Amino acid sequence: MIRFYIPAMTCGGCAKSVTRALQSIDPQARIQTEPAKREVLIESALHSDIFLTALGEAGFPPAEPDETRHQV
């Protein structure tokens, strides 16, 4: 299971865009988005780095949760 924290994923529309970006890499991946938590969970045989790149290219770069806690 791969888990990413995506600060820019704040709504259902964002979640659909994230899902499309991830499924363009692995159409067979099981993807669960949680906009309220700004998290996406991915079940795939592919390495997480390829998904990290796809999310960044789609405008939804993942971050560590601690990176955004101190921003106001």
N, C-alpha and C. Protein backbone atom coordinates (compact mmCIF):
# COMPACT_ATOMS: atom_id res chain seq x y z
N MET A 1 0.86 -1.18 0.00
CA MET A 1 0.00 0.00 0.00
C MET A 1 0.90 1.24 0.00
N ILE A 2 0.61 2.15 -0.91
CA ILE A 2 1.33 3.41 -0.99
C ILE A 2 0.40 4.51 -0.49
N ARG A 3 0.92 5.39 0.34
CA ARG A 3 0.11 6.49 0.89
C ARG A 3 0.85 7.79 0.61
N PHE A 4 0.10 8.76 0.05
CA PHE A 4 0.65 10.09 -0.18
C PHE A 4 -0.24 11.12 0.50
N TYR A 5 0.39 12.14 1.06
CA TYR A 5 -0.31 13.30 1.58
C TYR A 5 -0.22 14.37 0.51
N ILE A 6 -1.39 14.86 0.05
CA ILE A 6 -1.45 15.81 -1.06
C ILE A 6 -2.15 17.08 -0.59
N PRO A 7 -1.38 18.10 -0.20
CA PRO A 7 -1.98 19.33 0.33
C PRO A 7 -2.97 20.00 -0.62
N ALA A 8 -2.76 19.90 -1.92
CA ALA A 8 -3.61 20.58 -2.90
C ALA A 8 -4.92 19.84 -3.19
N MET A 9 -5.09 18.63 -2.69
CA MET A 9 -6.31 17.86 -2.94
C MET A 9 -7.33 18.20 -1.86
N THR A 10 -8.17 19.18 -2.16
CA THR A 10 -9.09 19.69 -1.15
C THR A 10 -10.55 19.39 -1.43
N CYS A 11 -10.86 18.81 -2.60
CA CYS A 11 -12.27 18.58 -2.92
C CYS A 11 -12.42 17.34 -3.80
N GLY A 12 -13.66 17.00 -4.10
CA GLY A 12 -13.93 15.84 -4.93
C GLY A 12 -13.38 15.98 -6.35
N GLY A 13 -13.41 17.19 -6.89
CA GLY A 13 -12.86 17.41 -8.23
C GLY A 13 -11.37 17.16 -8.26
N CYS A 14 -10.68 17.62 -7.21
CA CYS A 14 -9.24 17.37 -7.10
C CYS A 14 -8.99 15.87 -7.00
N ALA A 15 -9.81 15.19 -6.21
CA ALA A 15 -9.64 13.74 -6.03
C ALA A 15 -9.80 13.00 -7.36
N LYS A 16 -10.75 13.45 -8.20
CA LYS A 16 -10.93 12.83 -9.51
C LYS A 16 -9.70 13.05 -10.39
N SER A 17 -9.13 14.25 -10.32
CA SER A 17 -7.93 14.54 -11.10
C SER A 17 -6.75 13.69 -10.64
N VAL A 18 -6.62 13.53 -9.33
CA VAL A 18 -5.56 12.70 -8.76
C VAL A 18 -5.75 11.25 -9.23
N THR A 19 -6.97 10.76 -9.15
CA THR A 19 -7.26 9.38 -9.57
C THR A 19 -6.93 9.17 -11.04
N ARG A 20 -7.33 10.11 -11.89
CA ARG A 20 -7.02 10.00 -13.33
C ARG A 20 -5.52 9.97 -13.57
N ALA A 21 -4.78 10.84 -12.88
CA ALA A 21 -3.32 10.88 -13.06
C ALA A 21 -2.69 9.55 -12.67
N LEU A 22 -3.14 8.97 -11.57
CA LEU A 22 -2.58 7.71 -11.09
C LEU A 22 -2.97 6.55 -12.00
N GLN A 23 -4.21 6.53 -12.45
CA GLN A 23 -4.65 5.44 -13.31
C GLN A 23 -4.05 5.53 -14.71
N SER A 24 -3.56 6.70 -15.09
CA SER A 24 -2.87 6.79 -16.38
C SER A 24 -1.53 6.05 -16.33
N ILE A 25 -0.99 5.88 -15.14
CA ILE A 25 0.25 5.14 -14.93
C ILE A 25 -0.02 3.65 -14.79
N ASP A 26 -1.04 3.31 -14.00
CA ASP A 26 -1.40 1.91 -13.77
C ASP A 26 -2.92 1.79 -13.74
N PRO A 27 -3.53 1.46 -14.89
CA PRO A 27 -4.99 1.35 -14.95
C PRO A 27 -5.57 0.29 -14.01
N GLN A 28 -4.75 -0.67 -13.58
CA GLN A 28 -5.22 -1.73 -12.69
C GLN A 28 -5.08 -1.37 -11.20
N ALA A 29 -4.48 -0.25 -10.90
CA ALA A 29 -4.26 0.14 -9.50
C ALA A 29 -5.59 0.39 -8.80
N ARG A 30 -5.62 0.03 -7.53
CA ARG A 30 -6.77 0.34 -6.68
C ARG A 30 -6.43 1.65 -5.96
N ILE A 31 -7.27 2.65 -6.15
CA ILE A 31 -6.98 3.99 -5.64
C ILE A 31 -8.13 4.44 -4.76
N GLN A 32 -7.78 4.92 -3.58
CA GLN A 32 -8.77 5.45 -2.64
C GLN A 32 -8.32 6.85 -2.25
N THR A 33 -9.17 7.85 -2.54
CA THR A 33 -8.84 9.22 -2.17
C THR A 33 -9.66 9.65 -0.96
N GLU A 34 -9.04 10.47 -0.13
CA GLU A 34 -9.71 11.01 1.06
C GLU A 34 -9.41 12.51 1.12
N PRO A 35 -10.21 13.33 0.37
CA PRO A 35 -9.94 14.76 0.33
C PRO A 35 -9.93 15.43 1.70
N ALA A 36 -10.78 14.99 2.62
CA ALA A 36 -10.81 15.61 3.94
C ALA A 36 -9.47 15.45 4.67
N LYS A 37 -8.81 14.33 4.44
CA LYS A 37 -7.50 14.08 5.05
C LYS A 37 -6.36 14.47 4.11
N ARG A 38 -6.73 14.79 2.85
CA ARG A 38 -5.75 15.10 1.81
C ARG A 38 -4.78 13.94 1.59
N GLU A 39 -5.35 12.75 1.58
CA GLU A 39 -4.55 11.53 1.39
C GLU A 39 -5.07 10.72 0.22
N VAL A 40 -4.16 10.00 -0.38
CA VAL A 40 -4.52 9.02 -1.40
C VAL A 40 -3.79 7.72 -1.05
N LEU A 41 -4.52 6.62 -1.18
CA LEU A 41 -3.96 5.29 -0.95
C LEU A 41 -3.96 4.54 -2.28
N ILE A 42 -2.86 3.89 -2.58
CA ILE A 42 -2.71 3.22 -3.87
C ILE A 42 -2.25 1.79 -3.63
N GLU A 43 -2.95 0.84 -4.25
CA GLU A 43 -2.51 -0.55 -4.27
C GLU A 43 -2.07 -0.84 -5.69
N SER A 44 -0.77 -1.09 -5.84
CA SER A 44 -0.20 -1.34 -7.17
C SER A 44 1.10 -2.10 -7.01
N ALA A 45 1.45 -2.82 -8.06
CA ALA A 45 2.74 -3.53 -8.08
C ALA A 45 3.88 -2.60 -8.49
N LEU A 46 3.55 -1.40 -8.98
CA LEU A 46 4.57 -0.45 -9.42
C LEU A 46 5.19 0.27 -8.23
N HIS A 47 6.39 0.79 -8.43
CA HIS A 47 7.12 1.51 -7.38
C HIS A 47 6.48 2.88 -7.14
N SER A 48 6.53 3.35 -5.92
CA SER A 48 5.90 4.62 -5.55
C SER A 48 6.47 5.82 -6.29
N ASP A 49 7.74 5.76 -6.69
CA ASP A 49 8.37 6.90 -7.37
C ASP A 49 7.65 7.28 -8.66
N ILE A 50 7.14 6.30 -9.38
CA ILE A 50 6.45 6.60 -10.64
C ILE A 50 5.15 7.35 -10.37
N PHE A 51 4.48 7.02 -9.27
CA PHE A 51 3.25 7.73 -8.91
C PHE A 51 3.58 9.14 -8.40
N LEU A 52 4.66 9.26 -7.68
CA LEU A 52 5.11 10.56 -7.18
C LEU A 52 5.33 11.52 -8.35
N THR A 53 5.99 11.05 -9.38
CA THR A 53 6.24 11.87 -10.56
C THR A 53 4.94 12.24 -11.26
N ALA A 54 4.04 11.29 -11.42
CA ALA A 54 2.76 11.55 -12.09
C ALA A 54 1.94 12.59 -11.33
N LEU A 55 1.93 12.51 -10.02
CA LEU A 55 1.17 13.47 -9.22
C LEU A 55 1.75 14.88 -9.37
N GLY A 56 3.07 14.97 -9.35
CA GLY A 56 3.72 16.27 -9.52
C GLY A 56 3.39 16.87 -10.87
N GLU A 57 3.44 16.06 -11.93
CA GLU A 57 3.14 16.54 -13.28
C GLU A 57 1.68 16.96 -13.42
N ALA A 58 0.79 16.36 -12.64
CA ALA A 58 -0.63 16.69 -12.69
C ALA A 58 -0.97 17.91 -11.83
N GLY A 59 0.02 18.45 -11.12
CA GLY A 59 -0.23 19.63 -10.29
C GLY A 59 -0.62 19.31 -8.86
N PHE A 60 -0.42 18.07 -8.45
CA PHE A 60 -0.75 17.63 -7.09
C PHE A 60 0.46 16.98 -6.43
N PRO A 61 1.54 17.74 -6.24
CA PRO A 61 2.74 17.13 -5.65
C PRO A 61 2.52 16.73 -4.20
N PRO A 62 2.85 15.50 -3.86
CA PRO A 62 2.73 15.06 -2.47
C PRO A 62 3.75 15.77 -1.58
N ALA A 63 3.43 15.84 -0.31
CA ALA A 63 4.33 16.44 0.68
C ALA A 63 4.25 15.62 1.95
N GLU A 64 5.25 15.78 2.80
CA GLU A 64 5.19 15.19 4.13
C GLU A 64 4.19 16.02 4.94
N PRO A 65 3.35 15.40 5.77
CA PRO A 65 2.39 16.17 6.56
C PRO A 65 3.04 17.28 7.38
N ASP A 66 4.23 17.06 7.88
CA ASP A 66 4.90 18.08 8.70
C ASP A 66 5.27 19.32 7.90
N GLU A 67 5.43 19.19 6.58
CA GLU A 67 5.82 20.32 5.74
C GLU A 67 4.75 21.40 5.69
N THR A 68 3.49 21.04 5.93
CA THR A 68 2.41 22.02 5.79
C THR A 68 1.85 22.45 7.14
N ARG A 69 2.20 21.80 8.19
CA ARG A 69 1.63 22.14 9.51
C ARG A 69 1.98 23.55 9.97
N HIS A 70 3.16 24.01 9.62
CA HIS A 70 3.61 25.30 10.14
C HIS A 70 3.28 26.46 9.21
N GLN A 71 2.62 26.19 8.08
CA GLN A 71 2.26 27.26 7.19
C GLN A 71 0.93 27.86 7.64
N VAL A 72 0.84 29.17 7.57
CA VAL A 72 -0.41 29.85 7.99
C VAL A 72 -0.98 30.62 6.83
